[in-house]
Amino acid sequence: MISLTLQTTASDTILFVGGGAVAERRLALCLDEPCQCIVISPVITNQMKAWHEDNRFIWHNTVFSDDHIDIVKQCKLLFICTDNKAVNDYIEAIARNNGILVNRADNATACDFTVPSTIDMGDLHVAISANNGGPRINRLVKQDMMNRYNILQIAIPRLKIMREEVKLLIPSVEERSRFWRTHLSETEFQAILKGQWPLIEEKLHHAISGIRTKS
């Protein structure tokens, strides 16, 4: 398995065939990205209806038919989320004949890509995949990581500011790396996770002030 992050553009189309809970979860990941989302399904969830009322995606309120083949050919990613195997097989075949990447909800082995569970805590974005080990494992790992790393929502934005300060004070990349290895080691990181961020922040400010004084 190769983990990648997809950067979409406003001209990209992401297609969802099906309107149930799985389609809703997949669609939710894409709505805030710069792309055009299209859903083909005669029925969609209440949440999807609310998103559609806000004009957040295009809805073809009908079953999939040959009239939609051109949309499949033009999409960047295809999520097949219906509970009809014959329909899913047909749509998958169209996609594969046209080199379209497929994620099929009813057949993990037919997926060209998977959608990992994600954690967004401020500037920290983490993707979790148990390699088809089951959604329960993903949820448990996700909850554990949220509990463990929640403090980083506070620490990372401030570390970004300090990083810019250090860039201005230390022109050499090698010397900057040495500075961070010295002052933000595994020991300091573990201290942050244990709730000691104010102490580590104070030490980092002191170290940066020392550089500023010397310069």
N, C-alpha and C. Protein backbone atom coordinates (compact mmCIF):
# COMPACT_ATOMS: atom_id res chain seq x y z
N MET A 1 0.84 -1.19 0.00
CA MET A 1 0.00 0.00 0.00
C MET A 1 0.88 1.25 0.00
N ILE A 2 0.56 2.19 -0.88
CA ILE A 2 1.27 3.47 -0.94
C ILE A 2 0.31 4.56 -0.49
N SER A 3 0.68 5.30 0.53
CA SER A 3 -0.18 6.37 1.04
C SER A 3 0.18 7.68 0.35
N LEU A 4 -0.82 8.31 -0.25
CA LEU A 4 -0.61 9.57 -0.96
C LEU A 4 -1.66 10.58 -0.53
N THR A 5 -1.34 11.85 -0.71
CA THR A 5 -2.31 12.91 -0.48
C THR A 5 -2.68 13.51 -1.82
N LEU A 6 -3.97 13.55 -2.12
CA LEU A 6 -4.42 14.04 -3.42
C LEU A 6 -4.72 15.53 -3.34
N GLN A 7 -4.12 16.29 -4.26
CA GLN A 7 -4.38 17.73 -4.35
C GLN A 7 -5.30 17.95 -5.55
N THR A 8 -6.54 18.34 -5.28
CA THR A 8 -7.50 18.57 -6.36
C THR A 8 -7.48 20.02 -6.81
N THR A 9 -8.08 20.26 -7.98
CA THR A 9 -8.23 21.62 -8.50
C THR A 9 -9.71 21.85 -8.81
N ALA A 10 -10.06 23.08 -9.06
CA ALA A 10 -11.46 23.42 -9.32
C ALA A 10 -12.00 22.74 -10.57
N SER A 11 -11.12 22.33 -11.47
CA SER A 11 -11.56 21.68 -12.70
C SER A 11 -11.75 20.17 -12.55
N ASP A 12 -11.38 19.61 -11.40
CA ASP A 12 -11.50 18.17 -11.19
C ASP A 12 -12.93 17.79 -10.78
N THR A 13 -13.39 16.67 -11.30
CA THR A 13 -14.71 16.13 -10.93
C THR A 13 -14.52 14.85 -10.13
N ILE A 14 -15.20 14.77 -9.00
CA ILE A 14 -15.22 13.55 -8.20
C ILE A 14 -16.65 13.03 -8.21
N LEU A 15 -16.82 11.80 -8.66
CA LEU A 15 -18.15 11.24 -8.89
C LEU A 15 -18.50 10.21 -7.82
N PHE A 16 -19.74 10.31 -7.34
CA PHE A 16 -20.26 9.37 -6.34
C PHE A 16 -21.53 8.74 -6.92
N VAL A 17 -21.54 7.43 -7.04
CA VAL A 17 -22.75 6.73 -7.49
C VAL A 17 -23.32 6.01 -6.29
N GLY A 18 -24.47 6.47 -5.83
CA GLY A 18 -25.06 5.97 -4.59
C GLY A 18 -25.26 7.13 -3.63
N GLY A 19 -26.27 7.00 -2.76
CA GLY A 19 -26.58 8.11 -1.88
C GLY A 19 -26.80 7.72 -0.43
N GLY A 20 -26.23 6.60 -0.01
CA GLY A 20 -26.41 6.14 1.36
C GLY A 20 -25.35 6.67 2.31
N ALA A 21 -25.22 5.99 3.45
CA ALA A 21 -24.31 6.45 4.50
C ALA A 21 -22.85 6.45 4.05
N VAL A 22 -22.46 5.43 3.26
CA VAL A 22 -21.08 5.38 2.79
C VAL A 22 -20.79 6.55 1.86
N ALA A 23 -21.71 6.80 0.93
CA ALA A 23 -21.53 7.92 0.01
C ALA A 23 -21.45 9.24 0.78
N GLU A 24 -22.27 9.36 1.81
CA GLU A 24 -22.25 10.59 2.62
C GLU A 24 -20.88 10.80 3.27
N ARG A 25 -20.31 9.73 3.83
CA ARG A 25 -19.00 9.86 4.47
C ARG A 25 -17.92 10.22 3.46
N ARG A 26 -17.97 9.59 2.29
CA ARG A 26 -16.97 9.89 1.26
C ARG A 26 -17.14 11.32 0.74
N LEU A 27 -18.37 11.72 0.53
CA LEU A 27 -18.65 13.06 0.02
C LEU A 27 -18.18 14.13 1.01
N ALA A 28 -18.38 13.87 2.30
CA ALA A 28 -18.00 14.85 3.32
C ALA A 28 -16.52 15.19 3.25
N LEU A 29 -15.69 14.24 2.83
CA LEU A 29 -14.26 14.47 2.75
C LEU A 29 -13.88 15.42 1.62
N CYS A 30 -14.77 15.55 0.64
CA CYS A 30 -14.43 16.30 -0.58
C CYS A 30 -15.08 17.67 -0.69
N LEU A 31 -16.11 17.92 0.10
CA LEU A 31 -16.90 19.12 -0.08
C LEU A 31 -16.12 20.42 0.10
N ASP A 32 -15.13 20.40 0.96
CA ASP A 32 -14.36 21.63 1.22
C ASP A 32 -13.11 21.73 0.36
N GLU A 33 -12.95 20.79 -0.56
CA GLU A 33 -11.79 20.81 -1.44
C GLU A 33 -12.14 21.52 -2.75
N PRO A 34 -11.13 22.03 -3.46
CA PRO A 34 -11.39 22.71 -4.73
C PRO A 34 -11.66 21.71 -5.85
N CYS A 35 -12.89 21.23 -5.92
CA CYS A 35 -13.28 20.27 -6.95
C CYS A 35 -14.79 20.32 -7.13
N GLN A 36 -15.27 19.67 -8.17
CA GLN A 36 -16.71 19.58 -8.41
C GLN A 36 -17.17 18.18 -8.04
N CYS A 37 -18.10 18.09 -7.10
CA CYS A 37 -18.62 16.80 -6.67
C CYS A 37 -19.97 16.55 -7.34
N ILE A 38 -20.13 15.35 -7.88
CA ILE A 38 -21.38 14.96 -8.53
C ILE A 38 -21.88 13.67 -7.90
N VAL A 39 -23.16 13.64 -7.55
CA VAL A 39 -23.78 12.44 -6.98
C VAL A 39 -24.87 11.96 -7.92
N ILE A 40 -24.83 10.67 -8.25
CA ILE A 40 -25.89 10.05 -9.05
C ILE A 40 -26.60 9.03 -8.19
N SER A 41 -27.85 9.32 -7.84
CA SER A 41 -28.63 8.41 -7.00
C SER A 41 -30.06 8.93 -6.89
N PRO A 42 -31.05 8.05 -6.95
CA PRO A 42 -32.43 8.51 -6.79
C PRO A 42 -32.77 8.85 -5.34
N VAL A 43 -31.97 8.36 -4.42
CA VAL A 43 -32.20 8.62 -2.99
C VAL A 43 -30.88 9.02 -2.35
N ILE A 44 -30.91 10.06 -1.51
CA ILE A 44 -29.72 10.46 -0.77
C ILE A 44 -30.11 10.68 0.69
N THR A 45 -29.12 10.71 1.56
CA THR A 45 -29.39 10.89 2.99
C THR A 45 -29.87 12.31 3.27
N ASN A 46 -30.42 12.50 4.45
CA ASN A 46 -30.89 13.84 4.84
C ASN A 46 -29.74 14.84 4.89
N GLN A 47 -28.58 14.38 5.37
CA GLN A 47 -27.43 15.28 5.42
C GLN A 47 -27.01 15.69 4.02
N MET A 48 -27.03 14.75 3.10
CA MET A 48 -26.67 15.07 1.72
C MET A 48 -27.68 16.04 1.11
N LYS A 49 -28.95 15.88 1.46
CA LYS A 49 -29.97 16.82 0.98
C LYS A 49 -29.67 18.23 1.48
N ALA A 50 -29.25 18.33 2.73
CA ALA A 50 -28.93 19.64 3.29
C ALA A 50 -27.74 20.26 2.56
N TRP A 51 -26.73 19.44 2.27
CA TRP A 51 -25.58 19.95 1.52
C TRP A 51 -26.00 20.39 0.12
N HIS A 52 -26.89 19.61 -0.49
CA HIS A 52 -27.34 19.96 -1.84
C HIS A 52 -28.12 21.26 -1.83
N GLU A 53 -28.93 21.46 -0.81
CA GLU A 53 -29.69 22.72 -0.71
C GLU A 53 -28.76 23.92 -0.57
N ASP A 54 -27.56 23.67 -0.05
CA ASP A 54 -26.56 24.74 0.06
C ASP A 54 -25.68 24.81 -1.19
N ASN A 55 -26.08 24.07 -2.23
CA ASN A 55 -25.36 24.08 -3.52
C ASN A 55 -23.91 23.62 -3.39
N ARG A 56 -23.68 22.62 -2.55
CA ARG A 56 -22.32 22.16 -2.34
C ARG A 56 -21.93 21.02 -3.29
N PHE A 57 -22.89 20.43 -3.97
CA PHE A 57 -22.58 19.42 -4.98
C PHE A 57 -23.73 19.34 -5.98
N ILE A 58 -23.47 18.68 -7.10
CA ILE A 58 -24.47 18.50 -8.15
C ILE A 58 -25.13 17.13 -7.95
N TRP A 59 -26.45 17.12 -7.97
CA TRP A 59 -27.19 15.88 -7.73
C TRP A 59 -27.99 15.48 -8.97
N HIS A 60 -27.69 14.29 -9.49
CA HIS A 60 -28.51 13.70 -10.55
C HIS A 60 -29.48 12.75 -9.87
N ASN A 61 -30.71 13.19 -9.72
CA ASN A 61 -31.72 12.46 -8.96
C ASN A 61 -32.31 11.33 -9.81
N THR A 62 -31.50 10.30 -10.03
CA THR A 62 -31.92 9.18 -10.88
C THR A 62 -30.96 8.02 -10.69
N VAL A 63 -31.34 6.86 -11.18
CA VAL A 63 -30.43 5.72 -11.14
C VAL A 63 -29.36 5.90 -12.21
N PHE A 64 -28.25 5.20 -12.05
CA PHE A 64 -27.18 5.28 -13.05
C PHE A 64 -27.65 4.65 -14.35
N SER A 65 -27.32 5.33 -15.47
CA SER A 65 -27.67 4.81 -16.79
C SER A 65 -26.55 5.15 -17.76
N ASP A 66 -26.71 4.71 -18.99
CA ASP A 66 -25.69 5.00 -20.01
C ASP A 66 -25.56 6.49 -20.28
N ASP A 67 -26.57 7.26 -19.90
CA ASP A 67 -26.49 8.71 -20.07
C ASP A 67 -25.39 9.32 -19.20
N HIS A 68 -24.94 8.56 -18.20
CA HIS A 68 -23.93 9.09 -17.27
C HIS A 68 -22.51 8.62 -17.60
N ILE A 69 -22.36 7.86 -18.66
CA ILE A 69 -21.04 7.31 -18.98
C ILE A 69 -20.01 8.41 -19.22
N ASP A 70 -20.42 9.48 -19.88
CA ASP A 70 -19.48 10.58 -20.14
C ASP A 70 -18.98 11.21 -18.85
N ILE A 71 -19.84 11.25 -17.83
CA ILE A 71 -19.41 11.81 -16.54
C ILE A 71 -18.34 10.91 -15.93
N VAL A 72 -18.55 9.59 -16.04
CA VAL A 72 -17.55 8.65 -15.52
C VAL A 72 -16.21 8.86 -16.23
N LYS A 73 -16.26 8.99 -17.54
CA LYS A 73 -15.04 9.15 -18.33
C LYS A 73 -14.26 10.41 -17.96
N GLN A 74 -14.98 11.44 -17.51
CA GLN A 74 -14.35 12.73 -17.25
C GLN A 74 -13.96 12.94 -15.79
N CYS A 75 -14.36 12.03 -14.90
CA CYS A 75 -14.08 12.27 -13.49
C CYS A 75 -12.65 11.88 -13.14
N LYS A 76 -12.16 12.46 -12.05
CA LYS A 76 -10.81 12.15 -11.58
C LYS A 76 -10.82 10.95 -10.65
N LEU A 77 -11.83 10.89 -9.79
CA LEU A 77 -12.01 9.76 -8.88
C LEU A 77 -13.46 9.32 -8.94
N LEU A 78 -13.67 8.02 -8.76
CA LEU A 78 -15.02 7.48 -8.77
C LEU A 78 -15.26 6.66 -7.51
N PHE A 79 -16.31 7.03 -6.79
CA PHE A 79 -16.73 6.26 -5.62
C PHE A 79 -18.02 5.52 -5.98
N ILE A 80 -17.97 4.19 -5.98
CA ILE A 80 -19.15 3.37 -6.27
C ILE A 80 -19.72 2.91 -4.94
N CYS A 81 -20.92 3.40 -4.61
CA CYS A 81 -21.47 3.19 -3.27
C CYS A 81 -22.89 2.63 -3.28
N THR A 82 -23.28 1.94 -4.34
CA THR A 82 -24.62 1.37 -4.35
C THR A 82 -24.58 -0.03 -3.75
N ASP A 83 -25.77 -0.60 -3.46
CA ASP A 83 -25.84 -1.96 -2.91
C ASP A 83 -26.25 -2.97 -3.98
N ASN A 84 -26.11 -2.56 -5.25
CA ASN A 84 -26.48 -3.43 -6.37
C ASN A 84 -25.20 -3.91 -7.06
N LYS A 85 -24.84 -5.17 -6.85
CA LYS A 85 -23.58 -5.69 -7.38
C LYS A 85 -23.49 -5.59 -8.90
N ALA A 86 -24.58 -5.90 -9.58
CA ALA A 86 -24.56 -5.86 -11.04
C ALA A 86 -24.28 -4.44 -11.54
N VAL A 87 -24.93 -3.48 -10.92
CA VAL A 87 -24.71 -2.07 -11.29
C VAL A 87 -23.27 -1.68 -10.99
N ASN A 88 -22.79 -2.08 -9.82
CA ASN A 88 -21.42 -1.75 -9.44
C ASN A 88 -20.41 -2.35 -10.40
N ASP A 89 -20.64 -3.60 -10.80
CA ASP A 89 -19.75 -4.26 -11.76
C ASP A 89 -19.72 -3.48 -13.08
N TYR A 90 -20.89 -3.05 -13.52
CA TYR A 90 -21.00 -2.35 -14.80
C TYR A 90 -20.26 -1.01 -14.75
N ILE A 91 -20.48 -0.26 -13.67
CA ILE A 91 -19.83 1.05 -13.54
C ILE A 91 -18.32 0.88 -13.42
N GLU A 92 -17.90 -0.11 -12.64
CA GLU A 92 -16.47 -0.36 -12.49
C GLU A 92 -15.82 -0.67 -13.84
N ALA A 93 -16.49 -1.48 -14.65
CA ALA A 93 -15.94 -1.85 -15.96
C ALA A 93 -15.77 -0.61 -16.85
N ILE A 94 -16.75 0.28 -16.82
CA ILE A 94 -16.65 1.52 -17.60
C ILE A 94 -15.44 2.33 -17.14
N ALA A 95 -15.30 2.44 -15.83
CA ALA A 95 -14.20 3.23 -15.28
C ALA A 95 -12.85 2.63 -15.67
N ARG A 96 -12.72 1.33 -15.54
CA ARG A 96 -11.44 0.68 -15.83
C ARG A 96 -11.08 0.79 -17.31
N ASN A 97 -12.08 0.73 -18.16
CA ASN A 97 -11.82 0.86 -19.60
C ASN A 97 -11.36 2.27 -19.97
N ASN A 98 -11.57 3.21 -19.05
CA ASN A 98 -11.19 4.59 -19.32
C ASN A 98 -10.11 5.12 -18.37
N GLY A 99 -9.49 4.21 -17.62
CA GLY A 99 -8.37 4.59 -16.77
C GLY A 99 -8.74 5.45 -15.58
N ILE A 100 -9.97 5.30 -15.07
CA ILE A 100 -10.44 6.09 -13.93
C ILE A 100 -10.18 5.31 -12.64
N LEU A 101 -9.66 5.99 -11.63
CA LEU A 101 -9.41 5.35 -10.34
C LEU A 101 -10.72 5.12 -9.60
N VAL A 102 -10.87 3.91 -9.06
CA VAL A 102 -12.15 3.47 -8.48
C VAL A 102 -12.00 3.13 -7.00
N ASN A 103 -13.00 3.54 -6.22
CA ASN A 103 -13.16 3.05 -4.85
C ASN A 103 -14.55 2.43 -4.79
N ARG A 104 -14.59 1.15 -4.50
CA ARG A 104 -15.86 0.41 -4.52
C ARG A 104 -16.21 -0.04 -3.11
N ALA A 105 -17.34 0.42 -2.60
CA ALA A 105 -17.69 0.19 -1.20
C ALA A 105 -17.96 -1.28 -0.89
N ASP A 106 -18.43 -2.05 -1.87
CA ASP A 106 -18.81 -3.43 -1.61
C ASP A 106 -17.71 -4.44 -1.93
N ASN A 107 -16.54 -3.96 -2.35
CA ASN A 107 -15.48 -4.89 -2.73
C ASN A 107 -14.12 -4.23 -2.54
N ALA A 108 -13.51 -4.45 -1.39
CA ALA A 108 -12.24 -3.79 -1.08
C ALA A 108 -11.14 -4.18 -2.05
N THR A 109 -11.18 -5.41 -2.57
CA THR A 109 -10.12 -5.84 -3.47
C THR A 109 -10.22 -5.18 -4.84
N ALA A 110 -11.36 -4.56 -5.13
CA ALA A 110 -11.55 -3.89 -6.42
C ALA A 110 -11.19 -2.41 -6.35
N CYS A 111 -10.70 -1.96 -5.21
CA CYS A 111 -10.40 -0.54 -5.02
C CYS A 111 -8.99 -0.21 -5.50
N ASP A 112 -8.89 0.84 -6.32
CA ASP A 112 -7.58 1.36 -6.71
C ASP A 112 -6.99 2.22 -5.59
N PHE A 113 -7.85 2.74 -4.75
CA PHE A 113 -7.41 3.57 -3.63
C PHE A 113 -8.39 3.38 -2.49
N THR A 114 -7.93 3.64 -1.29
CA THR A 114 -8.79 3.56 -0.12
C THR A 114 -8.88 4.93 0.53
N VAL A 115 -9.85 5.09 1.40
CA VAL A 115 -10.04 6.36 2.11
C VAL A 115 -9.79 6.10 3.59
N PRO A 116 -8.63 6.49 4.09
CA PRO A 116 -8.32 6.21 5.49
C PRO A 116 -9.14 7.08 6.43
N SER A 117 -9.25 6.62 7.65
CA SER A 117 -9.83 7.46 8.69
C SER A 117 -8.87 8.61 8.93
N THR A 118 -9.39 9.80 9.14
CA THR A 118 -8.51 10.96 9.29
C THR A 118 -8.75 11.69 10.61
N ILE A 119 -7.70 12.32 11.07
CA ILE A 119 -7.77 13.16 12.26
C ILE A 119 -7.31 14.55 11.86
N ASP A 120 -8.11 15.55 12.16
CA ASP A 120 -7.74 16.93 11.92
C ASP A 120 -7.76 17.67 13.24
N MET A 121 -6.57 17.97 13.73
CA MET A 121 -6.45 18.71 14.99
C MET A 121 -5.62 19.96 14.71
N GLY A 122 -6.31 21.01 14.29
CA GLY A 122 -5.58 22.23 13.94
C GLY A 122 -4.70 21.98 12.74
N ASP A 123 -3.39 22.21 12.90
CA ASP A 123 -2.44 22.04 11.81
C ASP A 123 -1.99 20.59 11.65
N LEU A 124 -2.42 19.73 12.55
CA LEU A 124 -2.01 18.33 12.49
C LEU A 124 -3.07 17.51 11.75
N HIS A 125 -2.66 16.88 10.64
CA HIS A 125 -3.55 16.05 9.85
C HIS A 125 -2.94 14.65 9.79
N VAL A 126 -3.69 13.66 10.27
CA VAL A 126 -3.19 12.29 10.32
C VAL A 126 -4.18 11.36 9.63
N ALA A 127 -3.66 10.48 8.77
CA ALA A 127 -4.48 9.48 8.11
C ALA A 127 -4.20 8.12 8.75
N ILE A 128 -5.27 7.35 8.99
CA ILE A 128 -5.14 6.06 9.66
C ILE A 128 -5.76 4.98 8.78
N SER A 129 -5.02 3.91 8.56
CA SER A 129 -5.56 2.78 7.83
C SER A 129 -5.06 1.49 8.44
N ALA A 130 -5.98 0.57 8.71
CA ALA A 130 -5.61 -0.74 9.25
C ALA A 130 -5.49 -1.77 8.13
N ASN A 131 -5.40 -1.29 6.88
CA ASN A 131 -5.24 -2.18 5.72
C ASN A 131 -6.33 -3.25 5.69
N ASN A 132 -7.59 -2.75 5.71
CA ASN A 132 -8.77 -3.62 5.70
C ASN A 132 -8.91 -4.45 6.97
N GLY A 133 -8.30 -3.99 8.06
CA GLY A 133 -8.45 -4.69 9.33
C GLY A 133 -9.78 -4.44 9.99
N GLY A 134 -10.55 -3.50 9.43
CA GLY A 134 -11.88 -3.25 9.95
C GLY A 134 -12.03 -1.85 10.51
N PRO A 135 -13.23 -1.27 10.37
CA PRO A 135 -13.46 0.09 10.85
C PRO A 135 -13.35 0.23 12.36
N ARG A 136 -13.59 -0.86 13.10
CA ARG A 136 -13.49 -0.78 14.56
C ARG A 136 -12.07 -0.44 14.99
N ILE A 137 -11.09 -1.09 14.39
CA ILE A 137 -9.69 -0.81 14.70
C ILE A 137 -9.37 0.64 14.37
N ASN A 138 -9.82 1.10 13.20
CA ASN A 138 -9.58 2.49 12.80
C ASN A 138 -10.13 3.46 13.84
N ARG A 139 -11.36 3.19 14.30
CA ARG A 139 -11.99 4.09 15.26
C ARG A 139 -11.25 4.12 16.59
N LEU A 140 -10.80 2.93 17.05
CA LEU A 140 -10.08 2.87 18.32
C LEU A 140 -8.74 3.60 18.24
N VAL A 141 -8.03 3.39 17.14
CA VAL A 141 -6.74 4.07 16.96
C VAL A 141 -6.96 5.58 16.85
N LYS A 142 -8.00 5.97 16.12
CA LYS A 142 -8.30 7.39 15.96
C LYS A 142 -8.58 8.06 17.30
N GLN A 143 -9.40 7.41 18.13
CA GLN A 143 -9.73 7.98 19.43
C GLN A 143 -8.49 8.08 20.32
N ASP A 144 -7.66 7.04 20.27
CA ASP A 144 -6.44 7.05 21.07
C ASP A 144 -5.52 8.19 20.65
N MET A 145 -5.38 8.40 19.35
CA MET A 145 -4.50 9.45 18.86
C MET A 145 -5.05 10.84 19.18
N MET A 146 -6.38 10.97 19.12
CA MET A 146 -6.99 12.26 19.47
C MET A 146 -6.74 12.60 20.93
N ASN A 147 -6.85 11.59 21.79
CA ASN A 147 -6.59 11.81 23.21
C ASN A 147 -5.11 12.12 23.46
N ARG A 148 -4.25 11.41 22.74
CA ARG A 148 -2.81 11.51 22.97
C ARG A 148 -2.22 12.82 22.43
N TYR A 149 -2.70 13.25 21.26
CA TYR A 149 -2.05 14.37 20.57
C TYR A 149 -2.86 15.66 20.56
N ASN A 150 -3.92 15.72 21.32
CA ASN A 150 -4.78 16.90 21.30
C ASN A 150 -4.03 18.18 21.67
N ILE A 151 -3.04 18.07 22.56
CA ILE A 151 -2.28 19.24 22.99
C ILE A 151 -1.55 19.91 21.83
N LEU A 152 -1.28 19.14 20.77
CA LEU A 152 -0.53 19.69 19.63
C LEU A 152 -1.33 20.75 18.89
N GLN A 153 -2.65 20.79 19.09
CA GLN A 153 -3.44 21.86 18.48
C GLN A 153 -2.99 23.22 18.98
N ILE A 154 -2.51 23.26 20.21
CA ILE A 154 -2.00 24.50 20.79
C ILE A 154 -0.53 24.69 20.43
N ALA A 155 0.23 23.61 20.50
CA ALA A 155 1.68 23.72 20.34
C ALA A 155 2.12 24.01 18.91
N ILE A 156 1.52 23.35 17.93
CA ILE A 156 2.02 23.47 16.55
C ILE A 156 1.93 24.89 16.00
N PRO A 157 0.82 25.62 16.17
CA PRO A 157 0.79 26.99 15.64
C PRO A 157 1.89 27.88 16.24
N ARG A 158 2.19 27.68 17.51
CA ARG A 158 3.23 28.49 18.15
C ARG A 158 4.62 28.04 17.69
N LEU A 159 4.78 26.75 17.47
CA LEU A 159 6.05 26.25 16.95
C LEU A 159 6.30 26.78 15.54
N LYS A 160 5.25 26.94 14.76
CA LYS A 160 5.41 27.49 13.41
C LYS A 160 5.94 28.92 13.46
N ILE A 161 5.45 29.70 14.42
CA ILE A 161 5.92 31.08 14.57
C ILE A 161 7.40 31.08 14.98
N MET A 162 7.74 30.20 15.93
CA MET A 162 9.14 30.11 16.36
C MET A 162 10.04 29.66 15.21
N ARG A 163 9.54 28.76 14.40
CA ARG A 163 10.34 28.27 13.27
C ARG A 163 10.70 29.41 12.33
N GLU A 164 9.75 30.30 12.08
CA GLU A 164 10.03 31.45 11.22
C GLU A 164 11.05 32.38 11.86
N GLU A 165 10.96 32.54 13.18
CA GLU A 165 11.95 33.37 13.89
C GLU A 165 13.34 32.79 13.74
N VAL A 166 13.44 31.47 13.93
CA VAL A 166 14.74 30.81 13.84
C VAL A 166 15.30 30.90 12.42
N LYS A 167 14.43 30.84 11.43
CA LYS A 167 14.89 30.98 10.04
C LYS A 167 15.58 32.32 9.82
N LEU A 168 15.01 33.36 10.42
CA LEU A 168 15.59 34.70 10.25
C LEU A 168 16.90 34.84 11.01
N LEU A 169 17.00 34.16 12.14
CA LEU A 169 18.18 34.30 12.99
C LEU A 169 19.32 33.38 12.59
N ILE A 170 18.99 32.23 12.01
CA ILE A 170 20.02 31.25 11.64
C ILE A 170 19.89 30.94 10.15
N PRO A 171 20.71 31.55 9.31
CA PRO A 171 20.61 31.35 7.85
C PRO A 171 20.93 29.92 7.42
N SER A 172 21.83 29.26 8.13
CA SER A 172 22.29 27.93 7.72
C SER A 172 21.24 26.86 8.04
N VAL A 173 20.89 26.07 7.02
CA VAL A 173 19.93 24.99 7.21
C VAL A 173 20.47 23.96 8.20
N GLU A 174 21.76 23.65 8.08
CA GLU A 174 22.37 22.67 8.97
C GLU A 174 22.34 23.14 10.42
N GLU A 175 22.63 24.42 10.63
CA GLU A 175 22.63 24.95 12.00
C GLU A 175 21.21 25.02 12.56
N ARG A 176 20.24 25.33 11.70
CA ARG A 176 18.85 25.34 12.17
C ARG A 176 18.41 23.94 12.59
N SER A 177 18.80 22.95 11.80
CA SER A 177 18.46 21.56 12.14
C SER A 177 19.08 21.18 13.48
N ARG A 178 20.32 21.62 13.69
CA ARG A 178 20.99 21.32 14.95
C ARG A 178 20.27 22.00 16.12
N PHE A 179 19.81 23.22 15.89
CA PHE A 179 19.08 23.94 16.94
C PHE A 179 17.83 23.16 17.36
N TRP A 180 17.05 22.71 16.37
CA TRP A 180 15.81 22.01 16.71
C TRP A 180 16.08 20.63 17.29
N ARG A 181 17.13 19.96 16.83
CA ARG A 181 17.46 18.66 17.43
C ARG A 181 17.85 18.82 18.89
N THR A 182 18.49 19.94 19.19
CA THR A 182 18.94 20.19 20.56
C THR A 182 17.79 20.60 21.47
N HIS A 183 16.93 21.48 20.99
CA HIS A 183 15.92 22.08 21.85
C HIS A 183 14.51 21.47 21.71
N LEU A 184 14.34 20.62 20.70
CA LEU A 184 13.04 19.94 20.55
C LEU A 184 13.31 18.47 20.25
N SER A 185 13.89 17.81 21.22
CA SER A 185 14.23 16.40 21.08
C SER A 185 13.02 15.54 21.47
N GLU A 186 13.22 14.23 21.45
CA GLU A 186 12.17 13.31 21.86
C GLU A 186 11.73 13.58 23.30
N THR A 187 12.69 13.98 24.14
CA THR A 187 12.37 14.28 25.54
C THR A 187 11.39 15.44 25.64
N GLU A 188 11.67 16.51 24.90
CA GLU A 188 10.76 17.67 24.92
C GLU A 188 9.41 17.32 24.32
N PHE A 189 9.43 16.52 23.27
CA PHE A 189 8.16 16.14 22.63
C PHE A 189 7.28 15.35 23.59
N GLN A 190 7.88 14.40 24.29
CA GLN A 190 7.11 13.62 25.25
C GLN A 190 6.60 14.50 26.40
N ALA A 191 7.39 15.49 26.77
CA ALA A 191 6.95 16.42 27.81
C ALA A 191 5.73 17.21 27.34
N ILE A 192 5.73 17.59 26.06
CA ILE A 192 4.57 18.31 25.50
C ILE A 192 3.33 17.44 25.58
N LEU A 193 3.46 16.17 25.20
CA LEU A 193 2.32 15.26 25.22
C LEU A 193 1.80 15.02 26.64
N LYS A 194 2.67 15.20 27.62
CA LYS A 194 2.26 15.02 29.02
C LYS A 194 1.67 16.30 29.61
N GLY A 195 1.48 17.32 28.76
CA GLY A 195 0.85 18.54 29.23
C GLY A 195 1.80 19.62 29.68
N GLN A 196 3.09 19.47 29.36
CA GLN A 196 4.08 20.44 29.81
C GLN A 196 4.47 21.43 28.72
N TRP A 197 3.55 21.68 27.79
CA TRP A 197 3.86 22.61 26.71
C TRP A 197 4.27 24.00 27.20
N PRO A 198 3.62 24.60 28.20
CA PRO A 198 4.05 25.93 28.66
C PRO A 198 5.53 25.97 29.06
N LEU A 199 5.99 24.90 29.72
CA LEU A 199 7.40 24.84 30.13
C LEU A 199 8.32 24.74 28.91
N ILE A 200 7.97 23.88 27.96
CA ILE A 200 8.79 23.71 26.76
C ILE A 200 8.77 25.00 25.93
N GLU A 201 7.62 25.63 25.85
CA GLU A 201 7.51 26.89 25.11
C GLU A 201 8.44 27.94 25.71
N GLU A 202 8.45 28.02 27.04
CA GLU A 202 9.32 28.99 27.72
C GLU A 202 10.79 28.70 27.42
N LYS A 203 11.17 27.42 27.45
CA LYS A 203 12.56 27.05 27.17
C LYS A 203 12.95 27.40 25.73
N LEU A 204 12.03 27.18 24.79
CA LEU A 204 12.32 27.51 23.40
C LEU A 204 12.47 29.01 23.20
N HIS A 205 11.59 29.78 23.84
CA HIS A 205 11.71 31.24 23.75
C HIS A 205 13.05 31.71 24.31
N HIS A 206 13.47 31.08 25.40
CA HIS A 206 14.74 31.44 26.02
C HIS A 206 15.90 31.13 25.07
N ALA A 207 15.84 29.96 24.41
CA ALA A 207 16.90 29.58 23.47
C ALA A 207 16.95 30.53 22.28
N ILE A 208 15.78 30.91 21.78
CA ILE A 208 15.72 31.84 20.64
C ILE A 208 16.23 33.22 21.05
N SER A 209 15.88 33.64 22.25
CA SER A 209 16.36 34.93 22.75
C SER A 209 17.87 34.94 22.87
N GLY A 210 18.45 33.80 23.25
CA GLY A 210 19.90 33.69 23.34
C GLY A 210 20.56 33.90 21.99
N ILE A 211 19.96 33.35 20.94
CA ILE A 211 20.50 33.54 19.59
C ILE A 211 20.39 35.00 19.18
N ARG A 212 19.25 35.60 19.50
CA ARG A 212 19.02 36.99 19.13
C ARG A 212 20.03 37.91 19.82
N THR A 213 20.35 37.61 21.07
CA THR A 213 21.31 38.42 21.82
C THR A 213 22.71 38.32 21.21
N LYS A 214 23.09 37.11 20.79
CA LYS A 214 24.41 36.91 20.20
C LYS A 214 24.54 37.60 18.85
N SER A 215 23.42 37.67 18.11
CA SER A 215 23.48 38.26 16.78
C SER A 215 23.37 39.78 16.85
